[in-house]
């Protein structure tokens, strides 16, 4: 179903861009810890997956008046983003891992994920909650939310499936993008499950 953009859409769009640039600067606290949590290409089900891009950012570097961001900055955290491609399957997905100060903050980020998504995507066309109609059950995840939406890239409509979830204090997002129906919800859930299990296993070790 079509969704309305927030009234402060342009301001939020600029803020998101500035947050990204600011997050790239300076030291990345606890970077190695976050890198231990995120999936590697050889850990994904099926063969042929490769990391096409990786970026590390200081978590919550902007909007310091946000209580969650303030607590995360005091803790010191690095967000890791990876893009994966599988040429043989014609598939790709985006993955982000962000340790926050506590599990309640991470769960809160899951709850407001769709609204924050709208604030950041200038080319969004529509958004549809499928978590209400399809049961999304991830191992070890405390809270899960799914969003299906469409965007326009270079004049061509693209479909995205996004799953946001938290395992304890770690907030994660997986976005599976496709111009044709090469992804389905079950495959997206499989990816999210693999990521959730890896986070849990490494939190247990820590």
N, C-alpha and C. Protein backbone atom coordinates (compact mmCIF):
# COMPACT_ATOMS: atom_id res chain seq x y z
N UNK A 1 0.83 -1.18 0.00
CA UNK A 1 0.00 0.00 0.00
C UNK A 1 0.88 1.24 0.00
N UNK A 2 0.48 2.33 -0.67
CA UNK A 2 1.28 3.55 -0.66
C UNK A 2 1.36 4.12 0.75
N UNK A 3 2.47 4.76 1.07
CA UNK A 3 2.64 5.36 2.38
C UNK A 3 3.00 6.82 2.24
N UNK A 4 2.60 7.61 3.23
CA UNK A 4 2.91 9.04 3.22
C UNK A 4 4.29 9.29 3.79
N UNK A 5 5.04 10.16 3.13
CA UNK A 5 6.32 10.56 3.66
C UNK A 5 6.10 11.51 4.83
N UNK A 6 7.00 11.50 5.82
CA UNK A 6 6.86 12.43 6.94
C UNK A 6 7.02 13.87 6.48
N UNK A 7 6.43 14.81 7.23
CA UNK A 7 6.49 16.22 6.86
C UNK A 7 7.91 16.75 6.80
N UNK A 8 8.79 16.23 7.64
CA UNK A 8 10.18 16.68 7.67
C UNK A 8 11.08 15.79 6.82
N UNK A 9 10.53 15.28 5.72
CA UNK A 9 11.23 14.31 4.87
C UNK A 9 12.56 14.85 4.36
N UNK A 10 12.57 16.08 3.83
CA UNK A 10 13.79 16.64 3.25
C UNK A 10 14.86 16.83 4.32
N UNK A 11 14.44 17.31 5.49
CA UNK A 11 15.39 17.50 6.58
C UNK A 11 15.99 16.18 7.01
N UNK A 12 15.15 15.15 7.14
CA UNK A 12 15.63 13.84 7.55
C UNK A 12 16.56 13.23 6.50
N UNK A 13 16.26 13.49 5.23
CA UNK A 13 17.10 12.99 4.15
C UNK A 13 18.50 13.60 4.25
N UNK A 14 18.57 14.90 4.50
CA UNK A 14 19.86 15.57 4.66
C UNK A 14 20.58 15.06 5.90
N UNK A 15 19.83 14.89 6.99
CA UNK A 15 20.44 14.42 8.24
C UNK A 15 21.05 13.04 8.07
N UNK A 16 20.35 12.15 7.34
CA UNK A 16 20.87 10.81 7.11
C UNK A 16 22.17 10.85 6.32
N UNK A 17 22.25 11.74 5.32
CA UNK A 17 23.47 11.88 4.53
C UNK A 17 24.61 12.40 5.41
N UNK A 18 24.32 13.40 6.24
CA UNK A 18 25.34 13.98 7.10
C UNK A 18 25.81 12.95 8.13
N UNK A 19 24.88 12.15 8.65
CA UNK A 19 25.22 11.11 9.62
C UNK A 19 26.19 10.11 9.01
N UNK A 20 25.96 9.74 7.76
CA UNK A 20 26.83 8.80 7.07
C UNK A 20 28.24 9.37 6.94
N UNK A 21 28.35 10.62 6.50
CA UNK A 21 29.66 11.24 6.32
C UNK A 21 30.38 11.39 7.66
N UNK A 22 29.67 11.79 8.70
CA UNK A 22 30.27 11.96 10.01
C UNK A 22 30.74 10.63 10.58
N UNK A 23 29.96 9.59 10.33
CA UNK A 23 30.30 8.27 10.85
C UNK A 23 31.57 7.70 10.27
N UNK A 24 31.96 8.16 9.08
CA UNK A 24 33.17 7.68 8.43
C UNK A 24 34.43 8.24 9.07
N UNK A 25 34.30 9.35 9.81
CA UNK A 25 35.45 10.04 10.36
C UNK A 25 35.85 9.47 11.72
N UNK A 26 37.12 9.59 12.03
CA UNK A 26 37.61 9.23 13.36
C UNK A 26 37.78 7.74 13.57
N UNK A 27 38.17 7.39 14.79
CA UNK A 27 38.39 6.00 15.15
C UNK A 27 37.06 5.25 15.25
N UNK A 28 37.11 3.97 14.96
CA UNK A 28 35.92 3.12 15.01
C UNK A 28 36.03 2.22 16.25
N UNK A 29 35.39 2.60 17.36
CA UNK A 29 35.52 1.82 18.60
C UNK A 29 34.91 0.43 18.48
N UNK A 30 35.64 -0.55 19.02
CA UNK A 30 35.16 -1.94 19.04
C UNK A 30 34.85 -2.49 17.65
N UNK A 31 35.62 -2.03 16.67
CA UNK A 31 35.41 -2.45 15.28
C UNK A 31 35.58 -3.95 15.12
N UNK A 32 36.64 -4.50 15.72
CA UNK A 32 36.91 -5.93 15.55
C UNK A 32 35.78 -6.79 16.13
N UNK A 33 35.15 -6.30 17.19
CA UNK A 33 34.03 -7.04 17.78
C UNK A 33 32.88 -7.15 16.79
N UNK A 34 32.51 -6.03 16.15
CA UNK A 34 31.41 -6.06 15.18
C UNK A 34 31.76 -6.92 13.98
N UNK A 35 33.01 -6.89 13.55
CA UNK A 35 33.43 -7.72 12.42
C UNK A 35 33.30 -9.20 12.74
N UNK A 36 33.43 -9.57 14.01
CA UNK A 36 33.24 -10.98 14.39
C UNK A 36 31.77 -11.39 14.31
N UNK A 37 30.86 -10.41 14.40
CA UNK A 37 29.43 -10.71 14.42
C UNK A 37 28.82 -10.88 13.04
N UNK A 38 29.36 -10.19 12.04
CA UNK A 38 28.71 -10.13 10.72
C UNK A 38 29.09 -11.34 9.87
N UNK A 39 28.16 -11.77 9.03
CA UNK A 39 28.40 -12.92 8.15
C UNK A 39 29.52 -12.65 7.16
N UNK A 40 30.29 -13.71 6.88
CA UNK A 40 31.25 -13.70 5.78
C UNK A 40 30.64 -14.44 4.60
N UNK A 41 31.19 -14.24 3.43
CA UNK A 41 30.61 -14.83 2.22
C UNK A 41 30.58 -16.36 2.28
N UNK A 42 31.61 -16.98 2.89
CA UNK A 42 31.67 -18.44 2.92
C UNK A 42 30.70 -19.05 3.94
N UNK A 43 30.07 -18.20 4.76
CA UNK A 43 29.13 -18.68 5.76
C UNK A 43 27.69 -18.66 5.28
N UNK A 44 27.45 -18.16 4.08
CA UNK A 44 26.11 -18.05 3.52
C UNK A 44 25.75 -19.34 2.79
N UNK A 45 24.54 -19.80 2.97
CA UNK A 45 24.10 -21.04 2.31
C UNK A 45 24.23 -20.91 0.80
N UNK A 46 24.74 -21.94 0.17
CA UNK A 46 24.94 -21.93 -1.28
C UNK A 46 26.33 -21.39 -1.63
N UNK A 47 26.77 -21.66 -2.83
CA UNK A 47 28.09 -21.23 -3.26
C UNK A 47 27.99 -20.00 -4.17
N UNK A 48 29.11 -19.31 -4.34
CA UNK A 48 29.18 -18.20 -5.28
C UNK A 48 29.01 -16.82 -4.68
N UNK A 49 28.84 -16.75 -3.36
CA UNK A 49 28.66 -15.44 -2.73
C UNK A 49 29.99 -14.74 -2.53
N UNK A 50 30.02 -13.44 -2.81
CA UNK A 50 31.21 -12.62 -2.61
C UNK A 50 30.81 -11.27 -2.01
N UNK A 51 31.71 -10.71 -1.21
CA UNK A 51 31.49 -9.36 -0.67
C UNK A 51 31.88 -8.36 -1.75
N UNK A 52 30.94 -7.55 -2.17
CA UNK A 52 31.21 -6.56 -3.22
C UNK A 52 31.57 -5.19 -2.65
N UNK A 53 31.21 -4.95 -1.37
CA UNK A 53 31.52 -3.67 -0.75
C UNK A 53 31.43 -3.81 0.76
N UNK A 54 32.29 -3.11 1.48
CA UNK A 54 32.23 -3.11 2.94
C UNK A 54 32.52 -1.71 3.45
N UNK A 55 31.80 -1.31 4.49
CA UNK A 55 31.98 0.02 5.07
C UNK A 55 31.84 -0.07 6.58
N UNK A 56 32.69 0.64 7.31
CA UNK A 56 32.59 0.72 8.76
C UNK A 56 32.32 2.16 9.15
N UNK A 57 31.41 2.34 10.11
CA UNK A 57 30.98 3.66 10.56
C UNK A 57 30.91 3.70 12.08
N UNK A 58 31.16 4.85 12.66
CA UNK A 58 30.90 5.02 14.08
C UNK A 58 29.40 5.02 14.29
N UNK A 59 28.91 4.11 15.09
CA UNK A 59 27.47 4.00 15.34
C UNK A 59 26.97 5.23 16.09
N UNK A 60 25.85 5.76 15.61
CA UNK A 60 25.17 6.88 16.29
C UNK A 60 26.04 8.13 16.35
N UNK A 61 26.80 8.40 15.28
CA UNK A 61 27.70 9.55 15.29
C UNK A 61 26.94 10.88 15.19
N UNK A 62 25.68 10.84 14.75
CA UNK A 62 24.90 12.06 14.57
C UNK A 62 23.63 11.95 15.41
N UNK A 63 22.88 13.04 15.49
CA UNK A 63 21.65 13.09 16.28
C UNK A 63 21.91 12.68 17.73
N UNK A 64 22.84 13.37 18.36
CA UNK A 64 23.25 13.00 19.71
C UNK A 64 22.19 13.33 20.76
N UNK A 65 21.17 14.08 20.37
CA UNK A 65 20.08 14.35 21.31
C UNK A 65 19.14 13.16 21.43
N UNK A 66 19.28 12.19 20.53
CA UNK A 66 18.50 10.95 20.61
C UNK A 66 19.06 10.12 21.77
N UNK A 67 18.22 9.75 22.76
CA UNK A 67 18.72 9.00 23.92
C UNK A 67 19.43 7.69 23.56
N UNK A 68 18.92 6.98 22.57
CA UNK A 68 19.57 5.73 22.16
C UNK A 68 20.95 6.02 21.59
N UNK A 69 21.05 7.03 20.73
CA UNK A 69 22.34 7.40 20.18
C UNK A 69 23.31 7.84 21.27
N UNK A 70 22.80 8.60 22.23
CA UNK A 70 23.66 9.08 23.32
C UNK A 70 24.24 7.91 24.11
N UNK A 71 23.42 6.93 24.44
CA UNK A 71 23.91 5.76 25.19
C UNK A 71 24.89 4.95 24.36
N UNK A 72 24.63 4.84 23.06
CA UNK A 72 25.52 4.08 22.19
C UNK A 72 26.88 4.77 22.06
N UNK A 73 26.88 6.09 21.96
CA UNK A 73 28.14 6.83 21.87
C UNK A 73 28.96 6.68 23.15
N UNK A 74 28.29 6.68 24.28
CA UNK A 74 29.00 6.49 25.55
C UNK A 74 29.64 5.11 25.61
N UNK A 75 28.95 4.10 25.07
CA UNK A 75 29.47 2.74 25.06
C UNK A 75 30.64 2.60 24.10
N UNK A 76 30.52 3.21 22.91
CA UNK A 76 31.52 3.09 21.86
C UNK A 76 31.22 1.89 20.98
N UNK A 77 30.78 2.14 19.75
CA UNK A 77 30.35 1.06 18.87
C UNK A 77 30.65 1.40 17.41
N UNK A 78 30.94 0.37 16.64
CA UNK A 78 31.14 0.51 15.19
C UNK A 78 30.09 -0.29 14.45
N UNK A 79 29.46 0.33 13.47
CA UNK A 79 28.53 -0.34 12.57
C UNK A 79 29.30 -0.86 11.37
N UNK A 80 29.00 -2.09 10.96
CA UNK A 80 29.60 -2.66 9.76
C UNK A 80 28.50 -2.92 8.74
N UNK A 81 28.71 -2.44 7.52
CA UNK A 81 27.80 -2.67 6.41
C UNK A 81 28.51 -3.46 5.32
N UNK A 82 27.86 -4.47 4.79
CA UNK A 82 28.42 -5.25 3.69
C UNK A 82 27.37 -5.45 2.60
N UNK A 83 27.83 -5.42 1.37
CA UNK A 83 27.01 -5.79 0.23
C UNK A 83 27.56 -7.08 -0.36
N UNK A 84 26.65 -8.01 -0.64
CA UNK A 84 27.03 -9.31 -1.19
C UNK A 84 26.41 -9.48 -2.57
N UNK A 85 27.14 -10.15 -3.44
CA UNK A 85 26.65 -10.45 -4.77
C UNK A 85 26.89 -11.93 -5.10
N UNK A 86 25.95 -12.49 -5.85
CA UNK A 86 26.10 -13.84 -6.38
C UNK A 86 25.74 -13.79 -7.86
N UNK A 87 26.74 -13.71 -8.72
CA UNK A 87 26.50 -13.54 -10.15
C UNK A 87 25.76 -14.73 -10.74
N UNK A 88 26.08 -15.91 -10.24
CA UNK A 88 25.43 -17.10 -10.76
C UNK A 88 23.94 -17.12 -10.52
N UNK A 89 23.54 -16.62 -9.36
CA UNK A 89 22.12 -16.58 -9.01
C UNK A 89 21.45 -15.28 -9.43
N UNK A 90 22.26 -14.28 -9.80
CA UNK A 90 21.70 -12.97 -10.14
C UNK A 90 21.09 -12.28 -8.95
N UNK A 91 21.70 -12.47 -7.78
CA UNK A 91 21.16 -11.93 -6.54
C UNK A 91 22.17 -11.07 -5.81
N UNK A 92 21.66 -10.20 -4.96
CA UNK A 92 22.50 -9.40 -4.09
C UNK A 92 21.71 -9.00 -2.85
N UNK A 93 22.43 -8.68 -1.79
CA UNK A 93 21.75 -8.18 -0.59
C UNK A 93 22.70 -7.30 0.22
N UNK A 94 22.10 -6.47 1.05
CA UNK A 94 22.80 -5.54 1.93
C UNK A 94 22.62 -6.02 3.37
N UNK A 95 23.69 -5.93 4.15
CA UNK A 95 23.65 -6.38 5.54
C UNK A 95 24.30 -5.34 6.43
N UNK A 96 23.64 -5.01 7.54
CA UNK A 96 24.19 -4.05 8.49
C UNK A 96 24.07 -4.59 9.90
N UNK A 97 25.15 -4.45 10.68
CA UNK A 97 25.18 -4.89 12.07
C UNK A 97 25.60 -3.71 12.94
N UNK A 98 24.81 -3.42 13.98
CA UNK A 98 25.09 -2.29 14.87
C UNK A 98 24.89 -2.69 16.33
N UNK A 99 25.95 -2.91 17.09
CA UNK A 99 25.79 -3.14 18.53
C UNK A 99 25.35 -1.85 19.23
N UNK A 100 24.30 -1.93 20.03
CA UNK A 100 23.82 -0.79 20.80
C UNK A 100 24.08 -1.03 22.28
N UNK A 101 23.65 -0.10 23.12
CA UNK A 101 24.04 -0.17 24.53
C UNK A 101 23.30 -1.26 25.31
N UNK A 102 22.08 -1.61 24.88
CA UNK A 102 21.32 -2.65 25.58
C UNK A 102 20.26 -3.23 24.64
N UNK A 103 19.64 -4.32 25.06
CA UNK A 103 18.68 -5.02 24.21
C UNK A 103 17.40 -4.20 24.00
N UNK A 104 17.01 -3.40 25.00
CA UNK A 104 15.81 -2.57 24.84
C UNK A 104 16.00 -1.53 23.74
N UNK A 105 17.18 -0.93 23.68
CA UNK A 105 17.46 0.04 22.62
C UNK A 105 17.45 -0.63 21.25
N UNK A 106 18.02 -1.82 21.16
CA UNK A 106 18.05 -2.54 19.88
C UNK A 106 16.64 -2.92 19.44
N UNK A 107 15.81 -3.36 20.38
CA UNK A 107 14.42 -3.70 20.07
C UNK A 107 13.64 -2.47 19.62
N UNK A 108 13.93 -1.32 20.22
CA UNK A 108 13.27 -0.08 19.83
C UNK A 108 13.61 0.30 18.40
N UNK A 109 14.85 0.08 18.01
CA UNK A 109 15.25 0.36 16.63
C UNK A 109 14.52 -0.56 15.65
N UNK A 110 14.24 -1.78 16.05
CA UNK A 110 13.47 -2.69 15.20
C UNK A 110 12.05 -2.14 15.03
N UNK A 111 11.45 -1.69 16.12
CA UNK A 111 10.07 -1.22 16.08
C UNK A 111 9.90 0.00 15.19
N UNK A 112 10.87 0.92 15.18
CA UNK A 112 10.71 2.13 14.37
C UNK A 112 11.46 2.04 13.04
N UNK A 113 11.82 0.81 12.65
CA UNK A 113 12.61 0.61 11.43
C UNK A 113 11.91 1.15 10.19
N UNK A 114 10.62 0.86 10.04
CA UNK A 114 9.92 1.27 8.82
C UNK A 114 9.86 2.80 8.70
N UNK A 115 9.59 3.48 9.81
CA UNK A 115 9.54 4.93 9.78
C UNK A 115 10.90 5.52 9.43
N UNK A 116 11.96 4.97 10.02
CA UNK A 116 13.30 5.46 9.73
C UNK A 116 13.70 5.17 8.29
N UNK A 117 13.19 4.07 7.75
CA UNK A 117 13.44 3.74 6.35
C UNK A 117 12.85 4.80 5.43
N UNK A 118 11.61 5.20 5.72
CA UNK A 118 10.96 6.24 4.93
C UNK A 118 11.73 7.55 4.98
N UNK A 119 12.31 7.85 6.12
CA UNK A 119 13.04 9.10 6.28
C UNK A 119 14.31 9.13 5.43
N UNK A 120 14.84 7.95 5.11
CA UNK A 120 16.14 7.88 4.46
C UNK A 120 16.08 7.63 2.96
N UNK A 121 14.94 7.17 2.45
CA UNK A 121 14.86 6.82 1.04
C UNK A 121 14.11 7.88 0.25
N UNK A 122 14.82 8.63 -0.54
CA UNK A 122 14.18 9.69 -1.33
C UNK A 122 13.37 9.13 -2.48
N UNK A 123 13.72 7.94 -2.95
CA UNK A 123 13.08 7.40 -4.15
C UNK A 123 12.08 6.29 -3.83
N UNK A 124 11.59 6.26 -2.59
CA UNK A 124 10.65 5.19 -2.22
C UNK A 124 9.29 5.43 -2.86
N UNK A 125 8.67 4.36 -3.32
CA UNK A 125 7.34 4.44 -3.92
C UNK A 125 6.27 3.94 -2.98
N UNK A 126 6.53 2.79 -2.39
CA UNK A 126 5.50 2.21 -1.53
C UNK A 126 6.14 1.30 -0.49
N UNK A 127 5.38 1.02 0.54
CA UNK A 127 5.87 0.17 1.61
C UNK A 127 4.71 -0.68 2.11
N UNK A 128 5.00 -1.91 2.41
CA UNK A 128 3.93 -2.82 2.87
C UNK A 128 4.48 -3.71 3.98
N UNK A 129 3.82 -3.72 5.09
CA UNK A 129 4.22 -4.60 6.18
C UNK A 129 3.78 -6.02 5.84
N UNK A 130 4.74 -6.94 5.74
CA UNK A 130 4.32 -8.32 5.55
C UNK A 130 4.51 -9.13 6.83
N UNK A 131 5.11 -8.53 7.86
CA UNK A 131 5.26 -9.23 9.13
C UNK A 131 3.94 -9.54 9.79
N UNK A 132 2.91 -8.77 9.46
CA UNK A 132 1.61 -9.00 10.07
C UNK A 132 0.88 -10.18 9.41
N UNK A 133 1.22 -10.48 8.17
CA UNK A 133 0.51 -11.55 7.47
C UNK A 133 1.34 -12.82 7.35
N UNK A 134 2.67 -12.69 7.45
CA UNK A 134 3.55 -13.85 7.40
C UNK A 134 4.32 -13.95 8.70
N UNK A 135 4.38 -15.14 9.25
CA UNK A 135 5.10 -15.33 10.50
C UNK A 135 6.60 -15.36 10.25
N UNK A 136 7.32 -14.43 10.84
CA UNK A 136 8.78 -14.38 10.70
C UNK A 136 9.38 -14.79 12.03
N UNK A 137 9.98 -15.96 12.06
CA UNK A 137 10.54 -16.51 13.29
C UNK A 137 12.03 -16.73 13.07
N UNK A 138 12.85 -15.96 13.77
CA UNK A 138 14.30 -16.10 13.64
C UNK A 138 14.87 -16.68 14.93
N UNK A 139 15.77 -17.63 14.82
CA UNK A 139 16.38 -18.19 16.03
C UNK A 139 17.18 -17.13 16.77
N UNK A 140 16.99 -17.08 18.08
CA UNK A 140 17.72 -16.19 18.99
C UNK A 140 17.35 -14.72 18.87
N UNK A 141 16.47 -14.36 17.95
CA UNK A 141 16.08 -12.96 17.79
C UNK A 141 15.03 -12.58 18.82
N UNK A 142 15.18 -11.40 19.43
CA UNK A 142 14.20 -10.93 20.41
C UNK A 142 13.00 -10.28 19.74
N UNK A 143 13.24 -9.54 18.67
CA UNK A 143 12.17 -8.86 17.95
C UNK A 143 12.50 -8.83 16.46
N UNK A 144 11.49 -8.97 15.62
CA UNK A 144 11.68 -9.04 14.17
C UNK A 144 10.61 -8.22 13.49
N UNK A 145 10.98 -7.49 12.44
CA UNK A 145 10.01 -6.75 11.64
C UNK A 145 10.42 -6.82 10.17
N UNK A 146 9.44 -7.07 9.31
CA UNK A 146 9.70 -7.14 7.87
C UNK A 146 8.97 -6.06 7.12
N UNK A 147 9.60 -5.55 6.07
CA UNK A 147 9.01 -4.51 5.23
C UNK A 147 9.27 -4.84 3.77
N UNK A 148 8.25 -4.72 2.96
CA UNK A 148 8.38 -4.90 1.51
C UNK A 148 8.06 -3.56 0.87
N UNK A 149 8.95 -3.09 -0.02
CA UNK A 149 8.73 -1.78 -0.62
C UNK A 149 9.35 -1.73 -2.01
N UNK A 150 9.01 -0.70 -2.76
CA UNK A 150 9.51 -0.51 -4.11
C UNK A 150 10.25 0.81 -4.20
N UNK A 151 11.33 0.83 -4.97
CA UNK A 151 12.07 2.06 -5.22
C UNK A 151 12.32 2.16 -6.72
N UNK A 152 12.71 3.35 -7.17
CA UNK A 152 13.03 3.56 -8.58
C UNK A 152 14.52 3.86 -8.70
N UNK A 153 15.23 3.04 -9.46
CA UNK A 153 16.66 3.20 -9.68
C UNK A 153 16.88 3.45 -11.17
N UNK A 154 17.36 4.65 -11.50
CA UNK A 154 17.59 5.01 -12.91
C UNK A 154 16.35 4.76 -13.77
N UNK A 155 15.20 5.13 -13.22
CA UNK A 155 13.96 5.00 -13.96
C UNK A 155 13.36 3.60 -13.98
N UNK A 156 14.02 2.65 -13.31
CA UNK A 156 13.54 1.27 -13.30
C UNK A 156 13.08 0.89 -11.90
N UNK A 157 11.90 0.29 -11.81
CA UNK A 157 11.34 -0.08 -10.51
C UNK A 157 12.02 -1.31 -9.95
N UNK A 158 12.41 -1.21 -8.66
CA UNK A 158 13.07 -2.33 -7.98
C UNK A 158 12.27 -2.71 -6.74
N UNK A 159 12.22 -4.00 -6.46
CA UNK A 159 11.55 -4.52 -5.28
C UNK A 159 12.58 -4.83 -4.19
N UNK A 160 12.28 -4.47 -2.96
CA UNK A 160 13.16 -4.77 -1.84
C UNK A 160 12.39 -5.52 -0.76
N UNK A 161 13.06 -6.50 -0.16
CA UNK A 161 12.56 -7.18 1.03
C UNK A 161 13.55 -6.87 2.15
N UNK A 162 13.07 -6.28 3.23
CA UNK A 162 13.95 -5.93 4.34
C UNK A 162 13.47 -6.59 5.62
N UNK A 163 14.41 -7.12 6.38
CA UNK A 163 14.11 -7.70 7.69
C UNK A 163 15.02 -7.04 8.71
N UNK A 164 14.41 -6.42 9.71
CA UNK A 164 15.15 -5.82 10.82
C UNK A 164 14.91 -6.68 12.06
N UNK A 165 15.95 -6.90 12.84
CA UNK A 165 15.80 -7.73 14.04
C UNK A 165 16.90 -7.41 15.04
N UNK A 166 16.69 -7.82 16.26
CA UNK A 166 17.76 -7.69 17.24
C UNK A 166 17.98 -9.00 17.95
N UNK A 167 19.24 -9.29 18.21
CA UNK A 167 19.66 -10.40 19.06
C UNK A 167 20.36 -9.74 20.25
N UNK A 168 19.69 -9.75 21.39
CA UNK A 168 20.18 -9.02 22.56
C UNK A 168 20.38 -7.55 22.19
N UNK A 169 21.58 -7.01 22.34
CA UNK A 169 21.81 -5.58 22.10
C UNK A 169 22.28 -5.27 20.68
N UNK A 170 22.26 -6.26 19.79
CA UNK A 170 22.76 -6.07 18.43
C UNK A 170 21.59 -5.90 17.46
N UNK A 171 21.53 -4.74 16.84
CA UNK A 171 20.50 -4.42 15.84
C UNK A 171 21.03 -4.75 14.45
N UNK A 172 20.22 -5.46 13.66
CA UNK A 172 20.64 -5.91 12.34
C UNK A 172 19.57 -5.65 11.30
N UNK A 173 20.02 -5.41 10.08
CA UNK A 173 19.11 -5.21 8.94
C UNK A 173 19.65 -5.98 7.74
N UNK A 174 18.78 -6.72 7.08
CA UNK A 174 19.10 -7.38 5.82
C UNK A 174 18.12 -6.87 4.77
N UNK A 175 18.64 -6.41 3.64
CA UNK A 175 17.80 -5.93 2.54
C UNK A 175 18.13 -6.72 1.28
N UNK A 176 17.17 -7.49 0.81
CA UNK A 176 17.32 -8.27 -0.43
C UNK A 176 16.66 -7.50 -1.56
N UNK A 177 17.43 -7.13 -2.58
CA UNK A 177 16.93 -6.29 -3.67
C UNK A 177 16.86 -7.08 -4.96
N UNK A 178 15.83 -6.79 -5.76
CA UNK A 178 15.70 -7.50 -7.03
C UNK A 178 14.85 -6.70 -8.00
N UNK A 179 15.22 -6.74 -9.27
CA UNK A 179 14.42 -6.13 -10.33
C UNK A 179 13.43 -7.15 -10.89
N UNK A 180 13.73 -8.40 -10.69
CA UNK A 180 12.81 -9.47 -11.06
C UNK A 180 12.59 -10.33 -9.82
N UNK A 181 11.68 -11.27 -9.92
CA UNK A 181 11.31 -12.07 -8.75
C UNK A 181 12.34 -13.16 -8.46
N UNK A 182 13.58 -12.76 -8.15
CA UNK A 182 14.62 -13.74 -7.86
C UNK A 182 14.77 -13.99 -6.36
N UNK A 183 14.19 -13.12 -5.54
CA UNK A 183 14.19 -13.33 -4.10
C UNK A 183 12.77 -13.64 -3.63
N UNK A 184 12.66 -14.43 -2.57
CA UNK A 184 11.37 -14.61 -1.91
C UNK A 184 11.57 -14.51 -0.41
N UNK A 185 10.49 -14.41 0.32
CA UNK A 185 10.57 -14.18 1.75
C UNK A 185 11.28 -15.31 2.48
N UNK A 186 11.12 -16.54 2.01
CA UNK A 186 11.75 -17.68 2.68
C UNK A 186 13.26 -17.62 2.57
N UNK A 187 13.78 -17.20 1.42
CA UNK A 187 15.23 -17.05 1.27
C UNK A 187 15.75 -15.92 2.14
N UNK A 188 15.00 -14.83 2.22
CA UNK A 188 15.41 -13.70 3.06
C UNK A 188 15.43 -14.11 4.53
N UNK A 189 14.44 -14.89 4.96
CA UNK A 189 14.41 -15.37 6.33
C UNK A 189 15.58 -16.30 6.61
N UNK A 190 15.97 -17.13 5.64
CA UNK A 190 17.12 -18.01 5.81
C UNK A 190 18.40 -17.21 6.06
N UNK A 191 18.59 -16.15 5.29
CA UNK A 191 19.75 -15.28 5.49
C UNK A 191 19.74 -14.65 6.88
N UNK A 192 18.59 -14.09 7.25
CA UNK A 192 18.48 -13.45 8.56
C UNK A 192 18.72 -14.45 9.69
N UNK A 193 18.26 -15.69 9.52
CA UNK A 193 18.48 -16.73 10.52
C UNK A 193 19.96 -17.04 10.68
N UNK A 194 20.66 -17.14 9.56
CA UNK A 194 22.10 -17.41 9.62
C UNK A 194 22.84 -16.29 10.34
N UNK A 195 22.42 -15.04 10.07
CA UNK A 195 23.05 -13.91 10.74
C UNK A 195 22.73 -13.89 12.23
N UNK A 196 21.48 -14.15 12.58
CA UNK A 196 21.08 -14.15 13.99
C UNK A 196 21.86 -15.19 14.79
N UNK A 197 22.02 -16.37 14.22
CA UNK A 197 22.76 -17.44 14.90
C UNK A 197 24.22 -17.06 15.10
N UNK A 198 24.84 -16.45 14.09
CA UNK A 198 26.24 -16.05 14.24
C UNK A 198 26.40 -15.00 15.33
N UNK A 199 25.47 -14.03 15.38
CA UNK A 199 25.55 -13.03 16.44
C UNK A 199 25.47 -13.69 17.81
N UNK A 200 24.48 -14.57 17.97
CA UNK A 200 24.29 -15.25 19.26
C UNK A 200 25.53 -16.04 19.66
N UNK A 201 26.08 -16.80 18.72
CA UNK A 201 27.25 -17.62 19.02
C UNK A 201 28.43 -16.77 19.47
N UNK A 202 28.63 -15.62 18.83
CA UNK A 202 29.76 -14.78 19.19
C UNK A 202 29.52 -13.96 20.45
N UNK A 203 28.25 -13.62 20.73
CA UNK A 203 27.95 -12.99 22.02
C UNK A 203 28.20 -13.94 23.17
N UNK A 204 27.89 -15.21 22.95
CA UNK A 204 28.13 -16.22 23.97
C UNK A 204 29.62 -16.35 24.27
N UNK A 205 30.44 -16.31 23.21
CA UNK A 205 31.89 -16.40 23.38
C UNK A 205 32.41 -15.19 24.14
N UNK A 206 31.87 -13.99 23.77
CA UNK A 206 32.33 -12.76 24.42
C UNK A 206 31.95 -12.75 25.90
